Amino acid sequence: MKRIIATSAAPEAIGPYSQAVQAAGTLYVSGQIALVPQTMQMAEGIEAQVRQAFANLGAILEEASMGFSDVVKLTIYLTDLSHFALVNGVMEELFAKPYPARAAIGVGSLPRAALVEVDAIAVVPC
């Protein structure tokens, strides 16, 4: 059985996908870019984009009655890997040890000219 997770506290999907799908105790969160949910405009600047992408992820987790502590895997896409240290700093603010598994991938471009995108897999708390 699967459950679709949707919240107005994160940007609505801009294509044929769901914000997140929960199946068999696992939550799969679609990639989140730095669209501000109220305006659907991109946050400006790399730090604002990193923080907004994680805020969008957090809103979806909250809608699923979960939090950052439930995340077991992150994938981070950056158009400029020199911003990796900034992402690490924001992650240290949001996540506690033990940190989730993570991949960071440099990409040529992202939707809406975003500088960062984050997707996640979380496990339902026992």
N, C-alpha and C. Protein backbone atom coordinates (compact mmCIF):
# COMPACT_ATOMS: atom_id res chain seq x y z
N MET A 1 0.85 -1.18 0.00
CA MET A 1 0.00 0.00 0.00
C MET A 1 0.89 1.23 0.00
N LYS A 2 0.55 2.20 -0.80
CA LYS A 2 1.32 3.44 -0.81
C LYS A 2 0.42 4.61 -0.47
N ARG A 3 1.07 5.65 0.07
CA ARG A 3 0.36 6.86 0.46
C ARG A 3 1.11 8.03 -0.16
N ILE A 4 0.37 8.91 -0.81
CA ILE A 4 0.96 10.10 -1.41
C ILE A 4 1.00 11.20 -0.36
N ILE A 5 2.15 11.84 -0.22
CA ILE A 5 2.33 12.93 0.74
C ILE A 5 2.35 14.23 -0.06
N ALA A 6 1.51 15.18 0.34
CA ALA A 6 1.47 16.49 -0.31
C ALA A 6 1.19 17.56 0.73
N THR A 7 1.89 18.67 0.62
CA THR A 7 1.69 19.79 1.54
C THR A 7 1.84 21.11 0.79
N SER A 8 1.06 22.08 1.18
CA SER A 8 1.20 23.43 0.60
C SER A 8 2.38 24.17 1.21
N ALA A 9 3.02 23.58 2.23
CA ALA A 9 4.18 24.20 2.87
C ALA A 9 5.47 23.95 2.08
N ALA A 10 5.36 23.19 0.99
CA ALA A 10 6.47 22.96 0.06
C ALA A 10 5.92 23.24 -1.34
N PRO A 11 6.81 23.53 -2.28
CA PRO A 11 6.33 23.83 -3.63
C PRO A 11 5.54 22.67 -4.23
N GLU A 12 4.48 23.00 -4.93
CA GLU A 12 3.73 21.95 -5.61
C GLU A 12 4.60 21.38 -6.72
N ALA A 13 4.32 20.15 -7.07
CA ALA A 13 5.09 19.50 -8.12
C ALA A 13 4.95 20.28 -9.42
N ILE A 14 6.06 20.43 -10.14
CA ILE A 14 6.04 21.16 -11.41
C ILE A 14 6.12 20.20 -12.59
N GLY A 15 5.64 19.00 -12.36
CA GLY A 15 5.62 17.98 -13.40
C GLY A 15 4.77 16.81 -12.93
N PRO A 16 4.80 15.71 -13.67
CA PRO A 16 3.97 14.55 -13.32
C PRO A 16 4.63 13.67 -12.25
N TYR A 17 4.70 14.20 -11.04
CA TYR A 17 5.27 13.45 -9.92
C TYR A 17 4.64 13.96 -8.63
N SER A 18 4.83 13.21 -7.55
CA SER A 18 4.33 13.58 -6.23
C SER A 18 5.46 14.17 -5.42
N GLN A 19 5.12 15.01 -4.44
CA GLN A 19 6.16 15.53 -3.53
C GLN A 19 6.86 14.39 -2.83
N ALA A 20 6.09 13.39 -2.40
CA ALA A 20 6.66 12.22 -1.75
C ALA A 20 5.66 11.07 -1.81
N VAL A 21 6.21 9.88 -1.72
CA VAL A 21 5.39 8.67 -1.68
C VAL A 21 5.90 7.82 -0.52
N GLN A 22 4.96 7.39 0.31
CA GLN A 22 5.30 6.51 1.44
C GLN A 22 4.84 5.10 1.08
N ALA A 23 5.75 4.13 1.17
CA ALA A 23 5.43 2.75 0.86
C ALA A 23 6.24 1.84 1.77
N ALA A 24 5.58 0.86 2.34
CA ALA A 24 6.24 -0.15 3.18
C ALA A 24 7.16 0.48 4.24
N GLY A 25 6.67 1.51 4.90
CA GLY A 25 7.43 2.12 5.99
C GLY A 25 8.56 3.04 5.56
N THR A 26 8.67 3.29 4.26
CA THR A 26 9.73 4.15 3.74
C THR A 26 9.11 5.32 2.99
N LEU A 27 9.69 6.50 3.19
CA LEU A 27 9.24 7.71 2.52
C LEU A 27 10.27 8.09 1.47
N TYR A 28 9.81 8.25 0.24
CA TYR A 28 10.66 8.66 -0.87
C TYR A 28 10.27 10.09 -1.25
N VAL A 29 11.17 11.04 -1.01
CA VAL A 29 10.87 12.45 -1.25
C VAL A 29 11.50 12.87 -2.57
N SER A 30 10.68 13.42 -3.44
CA SER A 30 11.17 13.91 -4.73
C SER A 30 12.15 15.06 -4.53
N GLY A 31 12.97 15.30 -5.54
CA GLY A 31 13.95 16.37 -5.48
C GLY A 31 13.31 17.71 -5.19
N GLN A 32 13.91 18.42 -4.25
CA GLN A 32 13.42 19.73 -3.84
C GLN A 32 14.43 20.80 -4.24
N ILE A 33 13.97 21.76 -5.02
CA ILE A 33 14.78 22.91 -5.34
C ILE A 33 14.32 24.07 -4.47
N ALA A 34 14.89 25.23 -4.67
CA ALA A 34 14.66 26.36 -3.76
C ALA A 34 13.48 27.23 -4.15
N LEU A 35 12.41 26.62 -4.64
CA LEU A 35 11.20 27.41 -4.89
C LEU A 35 10.54 27.74 -3.56
N VAL A 36 10.18 29.01 -3.38
CA VAL A 36 9.46 29.44 -2.19
C VAL A 36 8.00 29.06 -2.41
N PRO A 37 7.41 28.24 -1.55
CA PRO A 37 6.06 27.70 -1.80
C PRO A 37 5.00 28.77 -2.02
N GLN A 38 5.07 29.87 -1.29
CA GLN A 38 4.02 30.89 -1.39
C GLN A 38 4.04 31.62 -2.74
N THR A 39 5.21 31.75 -3.34
CA THR A 39 5.33 32.53 -4.58
C THR A 39 5.73 31.68 -5.78
N MET A 40 6.24 30.48 -5.54
CA MET A 40 6.79 29.61 -6.58
C MET A 40 7.92 30.30 -7.34
N GLN A 41 8.60 31.23 -6.66
CA GLN A 41 9.78 31.90 -7.21
C GLN A 41 11.01 31.31 -6.53
N MET A 42 12.13 31.33 -7.23
CA MET A 42 13.38 30.78 -6.71
C MET A 42 13.98 31.72 -5.68
N ALA A 43 14.45 31.16 -4.56
CA ALA A 43 15.22 31.94 -3.59
C ALA A 43 16.48 32.43 -4.30
N GLU A 44 17.00 33.58 -3.87
CA GLU A 44 18.15 34.16 -4.56
C GLU A 44 19.44 33.92 -3.79
N GLY A 45 20.47 33.48 -4.51
CA GLY A 45 21.77 33.24 -3.90
C GLY A 45 21.91 31.81 -3.43
N ILE A 46 23.12 31.32 -3.44
CA ILE A 46 23.34 29.92 -3.12
C ILE A 46 22.96 29.56 -1.68
N GLU A 47 23.31 30.39 -0.69
CA GLU A 47 22.95 30.02 0.68
C GLU A 47 21.44 30.00 0.87
N ALA A 48 20.74 30.98 0.33
CA ALA A 48 19.28 31.01 0.43
C ALA A 48 18.67 29.80 -0.28
N GLN A 49 19.27 29.41 -1.40
CA GLN A 49 18.74 28.25 -2.12
C GLN A 49 18.96 26.96 -1.35
N VAL A 50 20.12 26.79 -0.76
CA VAL A 50 20.38 25.59 0.03
C VAL A 50 19.39 25.52 1.20
N ARG A 51 19.24 26.63 1.91
CA ARG A 51 18.33 26.65 3.07
C ARG A 51 16.89 26.40 2.64
N GLN A 52 16.45 26.99 1.51
CA GLN A 52 15.07 26.81 1.06
C GLN A 52 14.83 25.38 0.59
N ALA A 53 15.78 24.79 -0.10
CA ALA A 53 15.61 23.40 -0.54
C ALA A 53 15.44 22.48 0.67
N PHE A 54 16.27 22.69 1.72
CA PHE A 54 16.13 21.88 2.93
C PHE A 54 14.84 22.21 3.68
N ALA A 55 14.40 23.47 3.65
CA ALA A 55 13.12 23.83 4.28
C ALA A 55 11.97 23.12 3.58
N ASN A 56 12.03 23.05 2.25
CA ASN A 56 10.99 22.34 1.50
C ASN A 56 11.00 20.85 1.85
N LEU A 57 12.19 20.27 1.94
CA LEU A 57 12.31 18.88 2.36
C LEU A 57 11.72 18.69 3.75
N GLY A 58 12.06 19.59 4.67
CA GLY A 58 11.54 19.50 6.04
C GLY A 58 10.03 19.59 6.10
N ALA A 59 9.43 20.42 5.28
CA ALA A 59 7.96 20.56 5.27
C ALA A 59 7.30 19.25 4.81
N ILE A 60 7.89 18.60 3.84
CA ILE A 60 7.34 17.33 3.36
C ILE A 60 7.51 16.25 4.42
N LEU A 61 8.68 16.21 5.05
CA LEU A 61 8.88 15.25 6.14
C LEU A 61 7.85 15.47 7.24
N GLU A 62 7.63 16.73 7.61
CA GLU A 62 6.66 17.05 8.66
C GLU A 62 5.25 16.59 8.28
N GLU A 63 4.88 16.78 7.03
CA GLU A 63 3.55 16.34 6.57
C GLU A 63 3.40 14.83 6.72
N ALA A 64 4.49 14.11 6.62
CA ALA A 64 4.48 12.65 6.77
C ALA A 64 4.71 12.23 8.23
N SER A 65 4.64 13.20 9.16
CA SER A 65 4.89 12.95 10.58
C SER A 65 6.29 12.41 10.82
N MET A 66 7.25 12.99 10.10
CA MET A 66 8.65 12.60 10.21
C MET A 66 9.50 13.85 10.37
N GLY A 67 10.79 13.66 10.52
CA GLY A 67 11.71 14.78 10.63
C GLY A 67 13.05 14.41 10.03
N PHE A 68 14.00 15.34 10.12
CA PHE A 68 15.33 15.10 9.57
C PHE A 68 16.00 13.88 10.20
N SER A 69 15.67 13.59 11.44
CA SER A 69 16.28 12.43 12.11
C SER A 69 15.84 11.10 11.50
N ASP A 70 14.77 11.13 10.71
CA ASP A 70 14.28 9.91 10.07
C ASP A 70 14.89 9.67 8.69
N VAL A 71 15.65 10.64 8.19
CA VAL A 71 16.26 10.53 6.87
C VAL A 71 17.44 9.56 6.95
N VAL A 72 17.44 8.59 6.03
CA VAL A 72 18.53 7.63 5.99
C VAL A 72 19.44 7.84 4.77
N LYS A 73 18.95 8.54 3.75
CA LYS A 73 19.74 8.75 2.53
C LYS A 73 19.36 10.07 1.89
N LEU A 74 20.38 10.85 1.55
CA LEU A 74 20.20 12.12 0.82
C LEU A 74 20.99 12.06 -0.47
N THR A 75 20.46 12.69 -1.48
CA THR A 75 21.23 12.96 -2.69
C THR A 75 21.16 14.46 -2.93
N ILE A 76 22.33 15.05 -3.09
CA ILE A 76 22.43 16.50 -3.29
C ILE A 76 23.04 16.74 -4.66
N TYR A 77 22.38 17.55 -5.44
CA TYR A 77 22.83 17.91 -6.77
C TYR A 77 23.24 19.38 -6.75
N LEU A 78 24.46 19.66 -7.16
CA LEU A 78 24.97 21.04 -7.18
C LEU A 78 25.47 21.39 -8.57
N THR A 79 25.16 22.60 -9.03
CA THR A 79 25.70 23.05 -10.31
C THR A 79 27.13 23.54 -10.16
N ASP A 80 27.58 23.74 -8.92
CA ASP A 80 28.96 24.16 -8.65
C ASP A 80 29.40 23.48 -7.36
N LEU A 81 30.28 22.50 -7.48
CA LEU A 81 30.71 21.73 -6.31
C LEU A 81 31.53 22.54 -5.32
N SER A 82 31.90 23.77 -5.67
CA SER A 82 32.60 24.61 -4.70
C SER A 82 31.68 25.02 -3.55
N HIS A 83 30.37 24.80 -3.70
CA HIS A 83 29.41 25.13 -2.64
C HIS A 83 29.20 23.96 -1.67
N PHE A 84 29.99 22.92 -1.83
CA PHE A 84 29.86 21.73 -1.00
C PHE A 84 30.02 22.03 0.49
N ALA A 85 30.97 22.90 0.84
CA ALA A 85 31.19 23.25 2.26
C ALA A 85 29.97 23.95 2.84
N LEU A 86 29.32 24.79 2.06
CA LEU A 86 28.11 25.47 2.52
C LEU A 86 27.01 24.45 2.81
N VAL A 87 26.84 23.48 1.92
CA VAL A 87 25.84 22.42 2.13
C VAL A 87 26.16 21.66 3.41
N ASN A 88 27.43 21.32 3.61
CA ASN A 88 27.82 20.63 4.84
C ASN A 88 27.45 21.43 6.07
N GLY A 89 27.69 22.73 6.05
CA GLY A 89 27.36 23.58 7.19
C GLY A 89 25.88 23.60 7.50
N VAL A 90 25.06 23.71 6.47
CA VAL A 90 23.60 23.70 6.68
C VAL A 90 23.16 22.33 7.19
N MET A 91 23.73 21.28 6.63
CA MET A 91 23.38 19.93 7.11
C MET A 91 23.73 19.75 8.58
N GLU A 92 24.86 20.28 9.01
CA GLU A 92 25.24 20.16 10.43
C GLU A 92 24.25 20.87 11.34
N GLU A 93 23.58 21.91 10.84
CA GLU A 93 22.55 22.60 11.62
C GLU A 93 21.26 21.78 11.72
N LEU A 94 20.96 21.00 10.68
CA LEU A 94 19.68 20.31 10.59
C LEU A 94 19.70 18.85 11.04
N PHE A 95 20.84 18.21 10.86
CA PHE A 95 20.96 16.78 11.14
C PHE A 95 21.88 16.56 12.33
N ALA A 96 21.58 15.53 13.10
CA ALA A 96 22.44 15.14 14.22
C ALA A 96 23.12 13.82 13.87
N LYS A 97 24.23 13.56 14.54
CA LYS A 97 24.91 12.28 14.35
C LYS A 97 24.03 11.17 14.88
N PRO A 98 24.02 10.03 14.30
CA PRO A 98 24.74 9.67 13.09
C PRO A 98 24.03 10.27 11.87
N TYR A 99 24.81 10.86 10.99
CA TYR A 99 24.27 11.51 9.79
C TYR A 99 23.75 10.47 8.80
N PRO A 100 22.81 10.88 7.95
CA PRO A 100 22.34 9.95 6.92
C PRO A 100 23.43 9.68 5.88
N ALA A 101 23.27 8.60 5.15
CA ALA A 101 24.13 8.36 4.00
C ALA A 101 23.85 9.47 2.99
N ARG A 102 24.85 9.79 2.15
CA ARG A 102 24.67 10.92 1.23
C ARG A 102 25.52 10.74 -0.01
N ALA A 103 25.00 11.24 -1.11
CA ALA A 103 25.77 11.39 -2.33
C ALA A 103 25.65 12.85 -2.75
N ALA A 104 26.75 13.41 -3.23
CA ALA A 104 26.75 14.77 -3.75
C ALA A 104 27.23 14.69 -5.20
N ILE A 105 26.43 15.23 -6.09
CA ILE A 105 26.69 15.08 -7.52
C ILE A 105 26.76 16.45 -8.17
N GLY A 106 27.80 16.70 -8.95
CA GLY A 106 27.90 17.91 -9.73
C GLY A 106 27.15 17.73 -11.04
N VAL A 107 26.29 18.69 -11.35
CA VAL A 107 25.47 18.60 -12.57
C VAL A 107 25.61 19.89 -13.38
N GLY A 108 25.32 19.80 -14.66
CA GLY A 108 25.42 20.96 -15.54
C GLY A 108 24.30 21.96 -15.35
N SER A 109 23.10 21.46 -15.05
CA SER A 109 21.97 22.36 -14.82
C SER A 109 20.88 21.62 -14.07
N LEU A 110 19.98 22.41 -13.47
CA LEU A 110 18.85 21.89 -12.71
C LEU A 110 17.59 22.62 -13.15
N PRO A 111 16.40 22.08 -12.84
CA PRO A 111 15.16 22.75 -13.21
C PRO A 111 15.10 24.18 -12.70
N ARG A 112 14.51 25.05 -13.49
CA ARG A 112 14.32 26.46 -13.13
C ARG A 112 15.62 27.19 -12.81
N ALA A 113 16.73 26.70 -13.36
CA ALA A 113 18.06 27.29 -13.14
C ALA A 113 18.47 27.26 -11.67
N ALA A 114 17.94 26.30 -10.92
CA ALA A 114 18.32 26.14 -9.51
C ALA A 114 19.80 25.84 -9.41
N LEU A 115 20.38 26.19 -8.28
CA LEU A 115 21.79 25.91 -8.01
C LEU A 115 21.98 24.63 -7.21
N VAL A 116 20.90 24.17 -6.57
CA VAL A 116 20.96 22.98 -5.72
C VAL A 116 19.61 22.27 -5.76
N GLU A 117 19.65 20.96 -5.63
CA GLU A 117 18.45 20.13 -5.49
C GLU A 117 18.77 19.03 -4.50
N VAL A 118 17.79 18.67 -3.67
CA VAL A 118 17.98 17.66 -2.64
C VAL A 118 16.81 16.68 -2.69
N ASP A 119 17.11 15.37 -2.74
CA ASP A 119 16.06 14.39 -2.54
C ASP A 119 16.44 13.51 -1.37
N ALA A 120 15.47 12.76 -0.86
CA ALA A 120 15.73 12.01 0.38
C ALA A 120 14.91 10.73 0.44
N ILE A 121 15.42 9.82 1.22
CA ILE A 121 14.68 8.62 1.63
C ILE A 121 14.67 8.62 3.15
N ALA A 122 13.49 8.43 3.72
CA ALA A 122 13.35 8.41 5.18
C ALA A 122 12.60 7.15 5.58
N VAL A 123 12.86 6.70 6.79
CA VAL A 123 12.21 5.50 7.31
C VAL A 123 11.25 5.89 8.43
N VAL A 124 10.06 5.33 8.37
CA VAL A 124 9.05 5.62 9.39
C VAL A 124 9.58 5.22 10.75
N PRO A 125 9.45 6.12 11.75
CA PRO A 125 9.94 5.80 13.10
C PRO A 125 9.25 4.57 13.66
N CYS A 126 9.98 3.77 14.40
CA CYS A 126 9.42 2.55 15.02
C CYS A 126 8.60 2.91 16.23
